[in-house]
C-alpha atoms as a PDB file:
ATOM      1  CA  UNK A   1     -20.733  30.103  30.336  1.00  0.00           C
ATOM      2  CA  UNK A   2     -19.962  33.501  28.568  1.00  0.00           C
ATOM      3  CA  UNK A   3     -17.656  33.081  25.593  1.00  0.00           C
ATOM      4  CA  UNK A   4     -15.979  35.511  23.343  1.00  0.00           C
ATOM      5  CA  UNK A   5     -15.620  33.986  19.684  1.00  0.00           C
ATOM      6  CA  UNK A   6     -12.012  33.715  18.363  1.00  0.00           C
ATOM      7  CA  UNK A   7     -11.144  34.358  14.887  1.00  0.00           C
ATOM      8  CA  UNK A   8      -7.584  33.796  13.244  1.00  0.00           C
ATOM      9  CA  UNK A   9      -6.916  34.567   9.285  1.00  0.00           C
ATOM     10  CA  UNK A  10      -4.287  35.625   6.789  1.00  0.00           C
ATOM     11  CA  UNK A  11      -0.943  36.353   9.639  1.00  0.00           C
ATOM     12  CA  UNK A  12      -2.214  35.539  12.527  1.00  0.00           C
ATOM     13  CA  UNK A  13      -3.337  32.271  11.436  1.00  0.00           C
ATOM     14  CA  UNK A  14       0.008  31.182   9.345  1.00  0.00           C
ATOM     15  CA  UNK A  15       1.835  30.203  12.860  1.00  0.00           C
ATOM     16  CA  UNK A  16      -0.885  27.705  14.031  1.00  0.00           C
ATOM     17  CA  UNK A  17      -1.480  26.281  10.515  1.00  0.00           C
ATOM     18  CA  UNK A  18       1.905  25.701   9.789  1.00  0.00           C
ATOM     19  CA  UNK A  19       2.109  24.043  12.993  1.00  0.00           C
ATOM     20  CA  UNK A  20      -0.920  21.941  11.876  1.00  0.00           C
ATOM     21  CA  UNK A  21       0.342  20.558   8.967  1.00  0.00           C
ATOM     22  CA  UNK A  22       3.991  19.642  10.229  1.00  0.00           C
ATOM     23  CA  UNK A  23       2.474  18.151  13.015  1.00  0.00           C
ATOM     24  CA  UNK A  24       2.212  14.865  11.370  1.00  0.00           C
ATOM     25  CA  UNK A  25       5.081  12.896   9.804  1.00  0.00           C
ATOM     26  CA  UNK A  26       4.451  12.829   6.155  1.00  0.00           C
ATOM     27  CA  UNK A  27       5.335  16.661   6.699  1.00  0.00           C
ATOM     28  CA  UNK A  28       7.399  16.866   9.431  1.00  0.00           C
ATOM     29  CA  UNK A  29       9.997  13.848   8.631  1.00  0.00           C
ATOM     30  CA  UNK A  30      10.187  15.269   5.059  1.00  0.00           C
ATOM     31  CA  UNK A  31       8.291  12.060   3.310  1.00  0.00           C
ATOM     32  CA  UNK A  32       6.884  14.058   0.445  1.00  0.00           C
ATOM     33  CA  UNK A  33       7.813  17.592  -1.377  1.00  0.00           C
ATOM     34  CA  UNK A  34       5.586  19.965   0.326  1.00  0.00           C
ATOM     35  CA  UNK A  35       4.720  23.320  -1.503  1.00  0.00           C
ATOM     36  CA  UNK A  36       4.049  26.051   0.990  1.00  0.00           C
ATOM     37  CA  UNK A  37       2.535  29.210  -0.766  1.00  0.00           C
ATOM     38  CA  UNK A  38       0.430  27.472  -3.719  1.00  0.00           C
ATOM     39  CA  UNK A  39      -1.913  30.853  -4.304  1.00  0.00           C
ATOM     40  CA  UNK A  40      -4.120  29.233  -6.781  1.00  0.00           C
ATOM     41  CA  UNK A  41      -2.470  26.756  -9.460  1.00  0.00           C
ATOM     42  CA  UNK A  42       1.472  25.406  -9.435  1.00  0.00           C
ATOM     43  CA  UNK A  43       3.183  23.652 -13.013  1.00  0.00           C
ATOM     44  CA  UNK A  44       6.252  21.902 -10.605  1.00  0.00           C
ATOM     45  CA  UNK A  45       8.370  19.852 -13.273  1.00  0.00           C
ATOM     46  CA  UNK A  46      11.139  17.449 -12.922  1.00  0.00           C
ATOM     47  CA  UNK A  47      14.032  16.454 -14.593  1.00  0.00           C
ATOM     48  CA  UNK A  48      15.039  12.519 -14.802  1.00  0.00           C
ATOM     49  CA  UNK A  49      16.896  10.827 -16.775  1.00  0.00           C
ATOM     50  CA  UNK A  50      21.117   9.954 -18.193  1.00  0.00           C
ATOM     51  CA  UNK A  51      23.166  11.805 -20.654  1.00  0.00           C
ATOM     52  CA  UNK A  52      25.915   9.957 -22.084  1.00  0.00           C
ATOM     53  CA  UNK A  53      30.431  10.525 -23.575  1.00  0.00           C
ATOM     54  CA  UNK A  54      30.387   9.633 -26.810  1.00  0.00           C
ATOM     55  CA  UNK A  55      33.720  10.164 -29.479  1.00  0.00           C
ATOM     56  CA  UNK A  56      33.718  13.374 -30.622  1.00  0.00           C
ATOM     57  CA  UNK A  57      32.543  14.851 -33.833  1.00  0.00           C
ATOM     58  CA  UNK A  58      31.431  17.527 -36.362  1.00  0.00           C
ATOM     59  CA  UNK A  59      28.170  16.872 -36.285  1.00  0.00           C
ATOM     60  CA  UNK A  60      27.310  14.809 -33.480  1.00  0.00           C
ATOM     61  CA  UNK A  61      23.747  12.898 -32.653  1.00  0.00           C
ATOM     62  CA  UNK A  62      22.143  12.828 -29.264  1.00  0.00           C
ATOM     63  CA  UNK A  63      22.986  10.322 -26.615  1.00  0.00           C
ATOM     64  CA  UNK A  64      20.939  10.205 -23.912  1.00  0.00           C
ATOM     65  CA  UNK A  65      17.747  10.591 -22.722  1.00  0.00           C
ATOM     66  CA  UNK A  66      16.338  13.242 -20.483  1.00  0.00           C
ATOM     67  CA  UNK A  67      12.701  13.499 -19.488  1.00  0.00           C
ATOM     68  CA  UNK A  68      11.007  16.384 -18.538  1.00  0.00           C
ATOM     69  CA  UNK A  69       7.674  15.246 -16.493  1.00  0.00           C
ATOM     70  CA  UNK A  70       5.245  18.753 -15.417  1.00  0.00           C
ATOM     71  CA  UNK A  71       2.216  18.403 -13.277  1.00  0.00           C
ATOM     72  CA  UNK A  72      -0.431  20.781 -12.728  1.00  0.00           C
ATOM     73  CA  UNK A  73      -1.330  21.181  -8.525  1.00  0.00           C
ATOM     74  CA  UNK A  74      -4.427  23.433  -7.401  1.00  0.00           C
ATOM     75  CA  UNK A  75      -4.945  23.234  -4.047  1.00  0.00           C
ATOM     76  CA  UNK A  76      -8.900  23.297  -3.216  1.00  0.00           C
ATOM     77  CA  UNK A  77     -10.924  24.325  -0.183  1.00  0.00           C
ATOM     78  CA  UNK A  78     -11.050  22.223   2.590  1.00  0.00           C
ATOM     79  CA  UNK A  79     -12.259  21.845   5.814  1.00  0.00           C
ATOM     80  CA  UNK A  80     -12.292  20.145   9.392  1.00  0.00           C
ATOM     81  CA  UNK A  81     -15.757  20.917  11.604  1.00  0.00           C
ATOM     82  CA  UNK A  82     -15.886  19.969  15.062  1.00  0.00           C
ATOM     83  CA  UNK A  83     -18.171  20.584  17.958  1.00  0.00           C
ATOM     84  CA  UNK A  84     -17.487  20.342  21.491  1.00  0.00           C
ATOM     85  CA  UNK A  85     -18.049  21.375  25.150  1.00  0.00           C
ATOM     86  CA  UNK A  86     -16.541  22.591  27.832  1.00  0.00           C
ATOM     87  CA  UNK A  87     -17.067  19.952  30.545  1.00  0.00           C
ATOM     88  CA  UNK A  88     -15.020  17.550  27.486  1.00  0.00           C
ATOM     89  CA  UNK A  89     -12.075  20.044  27.773  1.00  0.00           C
ATOM     90  CA  UNK A  90     -11.968  20.453  31.834  1.00  0.00           C
ATOM     91  CA  UNK A  91      -9.647  17.377  31.611  1.00  0.00           C
ATOM     92  CA  UNK A  92      -6.959  19.148  29.534  1.00  0.00           C
ATOM     93  CA  UNK A  93      -7.930  22.329  30.724  1.00  0.00           C
ATOM     94  CA  UNK A  94      -6.455  22.440  34.526  1.00  0.00           C
ATOM     95  CA  UNK A  95      -4.999  18.875  33.988  1.00  0.00           C
ATOM     96  CA  UNK A  96      -2.371  19.630  32.097  1.00  0.00           C
ATOM     97  CA  UNK A  97       0.913  21.769  31.621  1.00  0.00           C
ATOM     98  CA  UNK A  98       0.160  23.300  28.243  1.00  0.00           C
ATOM     99  CA  UNK A  99       3.229  22.536  26.068  1.00  0.00           C
ATOM    100  CA  UNK A 100       5.868  25.158  23.946  1.00  0.00           C
ATOM    101  CA  UNK A 101       4.294  25.834  20.715  1.00  0.00           C
ATOM    102  CA  UNK A 102       1.260  27.706  18.885  1.00  0.00           C
ATOM    103  CA  UNK A 103      -1.318  26.421  21.429  1.00  0.00           C
ATOM    104  CA  UNK A 104       0.764  29.346  23.322  1.00  0.00           C
ATOM    105  CA  UNK A 105       0.298  32.028  21.319  1.00  0.00           C
ATOM    106  CA  UNK A 106      -3.164  32.540  23.292  1.00  0.00           C
ATOM    107  CA  UNK A 107      -3.495  33.407  26.689  1.00  0.00           C
ATOM    108  CA  UNK A 108      -6.850  32.408  27.675  1.00  0.00           C
ATOM    109  CA  UNK A 109      -6.181  29.604  29.316  1.00  0.00           C
ATOM    110  CA  UNK A 110      -9.434  27.309  27.616  1.00  0.00           C
ATOM    111  CA  UNK A 111      -7.981  29.044  24.261  1.00  0.00           C
ATOM    112  CA  UNK A 112      -4.984  27.064  25.001  1.00  0.00           C
ATOM    113  CA  UNK A 113      -6.200  24.142  25.533  1.00  0.00           C
ATOM    114  CA  UNK A 114      -8.655  23.748  22.798  1.00  0.00           C
ATOM    115  CA  UNK A 115      -5.791  24.718  20.147  1.00  0.00           C
ATOM    116  CA  UNK A 116      -3.439  22.014  21.837  1.00  0.00           C
ATOM    117  CA  UNK A 117      -5.853  19.503  21.430  1.00  0.00           C
ATOM    118  CA  UNK A 118      -6.744  20.426  18.226  1.00  0.00           C
ATOM    119  CA  UNK A 119      -3.565  21.161  16.483  1.00  0.00           C
ATOM    120  CA  UNK A 120      -2.213  18.006  16.373  1.00  0.00           C
ATOM    121  CA  UNK A 121      -5.535  16.193  15.676  1.00  0.00           C
ATOM    122  CA  UNK A 122      -5.955  18.121  12.468  1.00  0.00           C
ATOM    123  CA  UNK A 123      -2.546  17.405  11.184  1.00  0.00           C
ATOM    124  CA  UNK A 124      -3.771  14.122  10.832  1.00  0.00           C
ATOM    125  CA  UNK A 125      -6.413  14.656   9.072  1.00  0.00           C
ATOM    126  CA  UNK A 126      -4.793  16.718   6.908  1.00  0.00           C
ATOM    127  CA  UNK A 127      -2.545  13.594   7.013  1.00  0.00           C
ATOM    128  CA  UNK A 128      -5.150  11.047   6.229  1.00  0.00           C
ATOM    129  CA  UNK A 129      -6.405  12.999   3.447  1.00  0.00           C
ATOM    130  CA  UNK A 130      -3.543  13.752   1.353  1.00  0.00           C
ATOM    131  CA  UNK A 131      -2.414   9.904   1.238  1.00  0.00           C
ATOM    132  CA  UNK A 132      -6.577   9.093   0.221  1.00  0.00           C
ATOM    133  CA  UNK A 133      -6.208  12.146  -2.294  1.00  0.00           C
ATOM    134  CA  UNK A 134      -2.284  10.835  -3.891  1.00  0.00           C
ATOM    135  CA  UNK A 135      -4.159   7.505  -4.397  1.00  0.00           C
ATOM    136  CA  UNK A 136      -6.957   8.399  -6.097  1.00  0.00           C
ATOM    137  CA  UNK A 137      -4.523  11.592  -8.605  1.00  0.00           C
ATOM    138  CA  UNK A 138      -2.115   8.407  -9.365  1.00  0.00           C
ATOM    139  CA  UNK A 139      -4.639   5.421  -9.915  1.00  0.00           C
ATOM    140  CA  UNK A 140      -6.729   8.057 -12.370  1.00  0.00           C
ATOM    141  CA  UNK A 141      -3.307   9.057 -14.495  1.00  0.00           C
ATOM    142  CA  UNK A 142      -2.452   5.710 -14.737  1.00  0.00           C
ATOM    143  CA  UNK A 143       0.605   4.488 -13.126  1.00  0.00           C
ATOM    144  CA  UNK A 144       3.775   3.423 -14.287  1.00  0.00           C
ATOM    145  CA  UNK A 145       2.782  -0.135 -13.553  1.00  0.00           C
ATOM    146  CA  UNK A 146      -0.298  -1.170 -11.065  1.00  0.00           C
ATOM    147  CA  UNK A 147      -0.019  -4.559  -9.136  1.00  0.00           C
ATOM    148  CA  UNK A 148      -2.973  -6.021  -8.590  1.00  0.00           C
ATOM    149  CA  UNK A 149      -2.589  -6.981  -4.678  1.00  0.00           C
ATOM    150  CA  UNK A 150      -3.575  -9.231  -1.670  1.00  0.00           C
ATOM    151  CA  UNK A 151      -5.318  -8.786   1.393  1.00  0.00           C
ATOM    152  CA  UNK A 152      -1.235  -7.913   3.322  1.00  0.00           C
ATOM    153  CA  UNK A 153      -0.354 -10.559   5.970  1.00  0.00           C
ATOM    154  CA  UNK A 154       2.752 -11.679   8.197  1.00  0.00           C
ATOM    155  CA  UNK A 155       3.169 -14.972   5.517  1.00  0.00           C
ATOM    156  CA  UNK A 156       3.046 -12.467   2.285  1.00  0.00           C
ATOM    157  CA  UNK A 157       4.558  -9.351   3.344  1.00  0.00           C
ATOM    158  CA  UNK A 158       8.088  -9.785   1.873  1.00  0.00           C
ATOM    159  CA  UNK A 159       7.163 -11.777  -1.534  1.00  0.00           C
ATOM    160  CA  UNK A 160       4.114  -8.716  -2.188  1.00  0.00           C
ATOM    161  CA  UNK A 161       7.248  -5.910  -1.758  1.00  0.00           C
ATOM    162  CA  UNK A 162       9.435  -7.910  -4.159  1.00  0.00           C
ATOM    163  CA  UNK A 163       6.772  -7.554  -6.702  1.00  0.00           C
ATOM    164  CA  UNK A 164       6.824  -3.667  -5.657  1.00  0.00           C
ATOM    165  CA  UNK A 165      10.493  -3.880  -5.897  1.00  0.00           C
ATOM    166  CA  UNK A 166      11.109  -5.277  -8.585  1.00  0.00           C
ATOM    167  CA  UNK A 167       8.957  -3.071 -10.738  1.00  0.00           C
ATOM    168  CA  UNK A 168       9.972  -1.779 -14.203  1.00  0.00           C
ATOM    169  CA  UNK A 169       8.596   1.154 -13.305  1.00  0.00           C
ATOM    170  CA  UNK A 170      11.280   2.018 -10.705  1.00  0.00           C
ATOM    171  CA  UNK A 171      14.254   1.189 -12.487  1.00  0.00           C
ATOM    172  CA  UNK A 172      15.372   4.092 -13.862  1.00  0.00           C
ATOM    173  CA  UNK A 173      14.822   5.907 -10.944  1.00  0.00           C
ATOM    174  CA  UNK A 174      16.882   3.624  -8.482  1.00  0.00           C
ATOM    175  CA  UNK A 175      19.941   5.897  -9.133  1.00  0.00           C
ATOM    176  CA  UNK A 176      18.355   8.998  -7.579  1.00  0.00           C
ATOM    177  CA  UNK A 177      18.562   7.666  -4.038  1.00  0.00           C
ATOM    178  CA  UNK A 178      15.300   8.788  -3.570  1.00  0.00           C
ATOM    179  CA  UNK A 179      13.077   5.596  -4.462  1.00  0.00           C
ATOM    180  CA  UNK A 180      10.886   5.440  -1.385  1.00  0.00           C
ATOM    181  CA  UNK A 181       8.100   2.212  -0.744  1.00  0.00           C
ATOM    182  CA  UNK A 182       4.819   3.561   1.018  1.00  0.00           C
ATOM    183  CA  UNK A 183       2.747   1.096   3.202  1.00  0.00           C
ATOM    184  CA  UNK A 184      -0.131   1.178   4.987  1.00  0.00           C
ATOM    185  CA  UNK A 185       0.664   1.471   8.457  1.00  0.00           C
ATOM    186  CA  UNK A 186      -0.407  -1.622   9.415  1.00  0.00           C
ATOM    187  CA  UNK A 187       2.311  -3.463   7.913  1.00  0.00           C
ATOM    188  CA  UNK A 188       4.709  -2.001  10.715  1.00  0.00           C
ATOM    189  CA  UNK A 189       3.443  -5.163  12.961  1.00  0.00           C
ATOM    190  CA  UNK A 190       3.505  -7.436   9.494  1.00  0.00           C
ATOM    191  CA  UNK A 191       7.299  -6.752   8.659  1.00  0.00           C
ATOM    192  CA  UNK A 192       8.178  -7.003  12.901  1.00  0.00           C
ATOM    193  CA  UNK A 193       6.745 -10.877  13.133  1.00  0.00           C
ATOM    194  CA  UNK A 194       8.303 -11.490   9.283  1.00  0.00           C
ATOM    195  CA  UNK A 195      11.499 -10.959  10.162  1.00  0.00           C
ATOM    196  CA  UNK A 196      11.182 -13.098  13.157  1.00  0.00           C
ATOM    197  CA  UNK A 197      12.532 -15.561  10.033  1.00  0.00           C
ATOM    198  CA  UNK A 198      16.134 -15.508   9.609  1.00  0.00           C
ATOM    199  CA  UNK A 199      15.283 -16.039   5.926  1.00  0.00           C
ATOM    200  CA  UNK A 200      14.152 -12.968   5.816  1.00  0.00           C
ATOM    201  CA  UNK A 201      16.742 -10.427   7.418  1.00  0.00           C
ATOM    202  CA  UNK A 202      18.923 -10.186   4.893  1.00  0.00           C
ATOM    203  CA  UNK A 203      15.968  -8.551   2.752  1.00  0.00           C
ATOM    204  CA  UNK A 204      14.276  -6.194   5.532  1.00  0.00           C
ATOM    205  CA  UNK A 205      16.181  -4.400   7.873  1.00  0.00           C
ATOM    206  CA  UNK A 206      15.006  -3.216  11.064  1.00  0.00           C
ATOM    207  CA  UNK A 207      16.803  -0.216  12.709  1.00  0.00           C
ATOM    208  CA  UNK A 208      15.285   1.599  15.616  1.00  0.00           C
ATOM    209  CA  UNK A 209      12.406   3.287  13.597  1.00  0.00           C
ATOM    210  CA  UNK A 210      14.289   2.623  10.149  1.00  0.00           C
ATOM    211  CA  UNK A 211      12.649   0.277   7.976  1.00  0.00           C
ATOM    212  CA  UNK A 212      14.009  -1.124   4.603  1.00  0.00           C
ATOM    213  CA  UNK A 213      13.665  -3.722   1.744  1.00  0.00           C
ATOM    214  CA  UNK A 214      17.045  -4.520  -0.118  1.00  0.00           C
ATOM    215  CA  UNK A 215      17.976  -1.189   0.794  1.00  0.00           C
ATOM    216  CA  UNK A 216      15.222   1.065  -0.229  1.00  0.00           C
ATOM    217  CA  UNK A 217      13.054   2.720   2.343  1.00  0.00           C
ATOM    218  CA  UNK A 218       9.703   1.897   3.752  1.00  0.00           C
ATOM    219  CA  UNK A 219       7.879   4.113   5.146  1.00  0.00           C
ATOM    220  CA  UNK A 220       4.531   3.996   7.495  1.00  0.00           C
ATOM    221  CA  UNK A 221       1.769   6.486   6.423  1.00  0.00           C
ATOM    222  CA  UNK A 222      -2.046   6.915   5.920  1.00  0.00           C
ATOM    223  CA  UNK A 223      -2.740   4.693   2.878  1.00  0.00           C
ATOM    224  CA  UNK A 224      -5.725   2.912   2.811  1.00  0.00           C
ATOM    225  CA  UNK A 225      -6.642  -1.002   2.858  1.00  0.00           C
ATOM    226  CA  UNK A 226      -4.116  -2.962   1.560  1.00  0.00           C
ATOM    227  CA  UNK A 227      -2.398  -0.248  -1.142  1.00  0.00           C
ATOM    228  CA  UNK A 228       1.474   0.448  -1.532  1.00  0.00           C
ATOM    229  CA  UNK A 229       2.893   3.243  -3.539  1.00  0.00           C
ATOM    230  CA  UNK A 230       6.380   3.417  -4.991  1.00  0.00           C
ATOM    231  CA  UNK A 231       8.501   6.145  -6.498  1.00  0.00           C
ATOM    232  CA  UNK A 232      10.727   9.011  -6.004  1.00  0.00           C
ATOM    233  CA  UNK A 233       9.604  10.787  -3.088  1.00  0.00           C
ATOM    234  CA  UNK A 234       9.822  14.207  -4.091  1.00  0.00           C
ATOM    235  CA  UNK A 235       8.220  13.316  -7.090  1.00  0.00           C
ATOM    236  CA  UNK A 236       4.820  12.649  -5.026  1.00  0.00           C
ATOM    237  CA  UNK A 237       4.113  16.549  -3.667  1.00  0.00           C
ATOM    238  CA  UNK A 238       1.762  17.933  -1.358  1.00  0.00           C
ATOM    239  CA  UNK A 239       0.525  21.530  -1.766  1.00  0.00           C
ATOM    240  CA  UNK A 240      -1.319  24.116   0.323  1.00  0.00           C
ATOM    241  CA  UNK A 241      -1.450  27.698   0.802  1.00  0.00           C
ATOM    242  CA  UNK A 242       0.224  28.830   4.568  1.00  0.00           C
ATOM    243  CA  UNK A 243      -0.674  32.479   4.307  1.00  0.00           C
ATOM    244  CA  UNK A 244      -4.110  31.747   2.525  1.00  0.00           C
ATOM    245  CA  UNK A 245      -6.949  33.902   1.669  1.00  0.00           C
ATOM    246  CA  UNK A 246      -9.822  32.578   2.890  1.00  0.00           C
ATOM    247  CA  UNK A 247      -7.861  30.224   5.823  1.00  0.00           C
ATOM    248  CA  UNK A 248      -9.153  30.452   9.037  1.00  0.00           C
ATOM    249  CA  UNK A 249      -9.186  28.665  12.759  1.00  0.00           C
ATOM    250  CA  UNK A 250     -12.345  29.518  14.681  1.00  0.00           C
ATOM    251  CA  UNK A 251     -13.416  28.683  17.679  1.00  0.00           C
ATOM    252  CA  UNK A 252     -17.464  29.668  19.281  1.00  0.00           C
ATOM    253  CA  UNK A 253     -20.179  28.309  20.582  1.00  0.00           C
ATOM    254  CA  UNK A 254     -23.452  26.817  18.592  1.00  0.00           C
ATOM    255  CA  UNK A 255     -25.678  29.120  19.558  1.00  0.00           C
ATOM    256  CA  UNK A 256     -26.227  31.433  22.238  1.00  0.00           C
ATOM    257  CA  UNK A 257     -28.165  30.254  25.075  1.00  0.00           C
ATOM    258  CA  UNK A 258     -26.304  26.556  24.071  1.00  0.00           C
ATOM    259  CA  UNK A 259     -23.138  25.656  26.236  1.00  0.00           C
ATOM    260  CA  UNK A 260     -22.105  23.621  23.240  1.00  0.00           C
ATOM    261  CA  UNK A 261     -19.131  25.259  21.079  1.00  0.00           C
ATOM    262  CA  UNK A 262     -17.290  24.353  17.880  1.00  0.00           C
ATOM    263  CA  UNK A 263     -13.954  24.672  16.002  1.00  0.00           C
ATOM    264  CA  UNK A 264     -13.801  25.071  12.584  1.00  0.00           C
ATOM    265  CA  UNK A 265     -10.037  25.090  10.199  1.00  0.00           C
ATOM    266  CA  UNK A 266     -10.372  26.122   6.583  1.00  0.00           C
ATOM    267  CA  UNK A 267      -7.748  25.681   4.508  1.00  0.00           C
ATOM    268  CA  UNK A 268      -6.445  24.857   1.232  1.00  0.00           C
ATOM    269  CA  UNK A 269      -4.640  21.259   0.000  1.00  0.00           C
ATOM    270  CA  UNK A 270      -3.859  19.383  -2.720  1.00  0.00           C
ATOM    271  CA  UNK A 271      -1.839  16.507  -3.883  1.00  0.00           C
ATOM    272  CA  UNK A 272       0.020  15.375  -7.280  1.00  0.00           C
ATOM    273  CA  UNK A 273       2.523  13.050  -8.946  1.00  0.00           C
ATOM    274  CA  UNK A 274       5.404  14.150 -11.448  1.00  0.00           C
ATOM    275  CA  UNK A 275       6.648  11.754 -13.565  1.00  0.00           C
ATOM    276  CA  UNK A 276       3.388   8.782 -13.125  1.00  0.00           C
ATOM    277  CA  UNK A 277       5.213   6.826 -15.594  1.00  0.00           C
ATOM    278  CA  UNK A 278       7.600   6.107 -12.778  1.00  0.00           C
ATOM    279  CA  UNK A 279       5.334   4.538  -9.894  1.00  0.00           C
ATOM    280  CA  UNK A 280       3.762   1.744  -8.737  1.00  0.00           C
ATOM    281  CA  UNK A 281       0.972   1.451  -7.484  1.00  0.00           C
ATOM    282  CA  UNK A 282      -0.357  -1.460  -5.451  1.00  0.00           C
ATOM    283  CA  UNK A 283      -3.966  -1.756  -5.021  1.00  0.00           C
ATOM    284  CA  UNK A 284      -4.724  -4.720  -2.517  1.00  0.00           C
END
């Protein structure tokens, strides 16, 4: 099979990597804050707290409490590498109409099929890596409260969510209307089963794909095991660089004599937590 390797970098990579990044729920639904243009590192500041009205005084004293939280985010080089054969792509190549999007920027039918196949899968891989990294970062910097968890079941999910909701670590942030409880994807099924009990319906509200616990949004993400995280969503940050100098996407042959192909994507990615004292990490 004759094939000319294809390499996308810099401006040609931008639209493709952007579509990869936004092809997962965490980014496309705005479940966390996304910083797209971090060349090396960036300091992110969050301001929280309250100011207090007081009686006038010639020499006033400070009243209220404002907290400034700084954290550094520095995306590191990561990659996805996968090998395949032309035959493995045949059903995609000839049996499906190409959808709109970055995949259609290539006129070559095979490349369209490869991009249509790879873009959402790399996007999901980025999402999974982000949540593993974020959990490790939050564990490292010591969350405001770490709760020793258990294996989550339909029988205990309400009680365990109550532990997260009741944490003093997120009490101050509750006024921001940004507090979110992040749970593993498997919990969606557990909540559906638990919600069949009428006793829990005042605690868990389900409307289509939207779920809340005592009016706090619950989001189903790629958290490992039985872990849960709670806090302001704008304090949880995914950092990358859509125009990275080393970013690339390449499709080529593994060797000149065989039919095995490879797809390699190189990009930058990092996770960061601002004001960890106002976060809950449930370690199940």
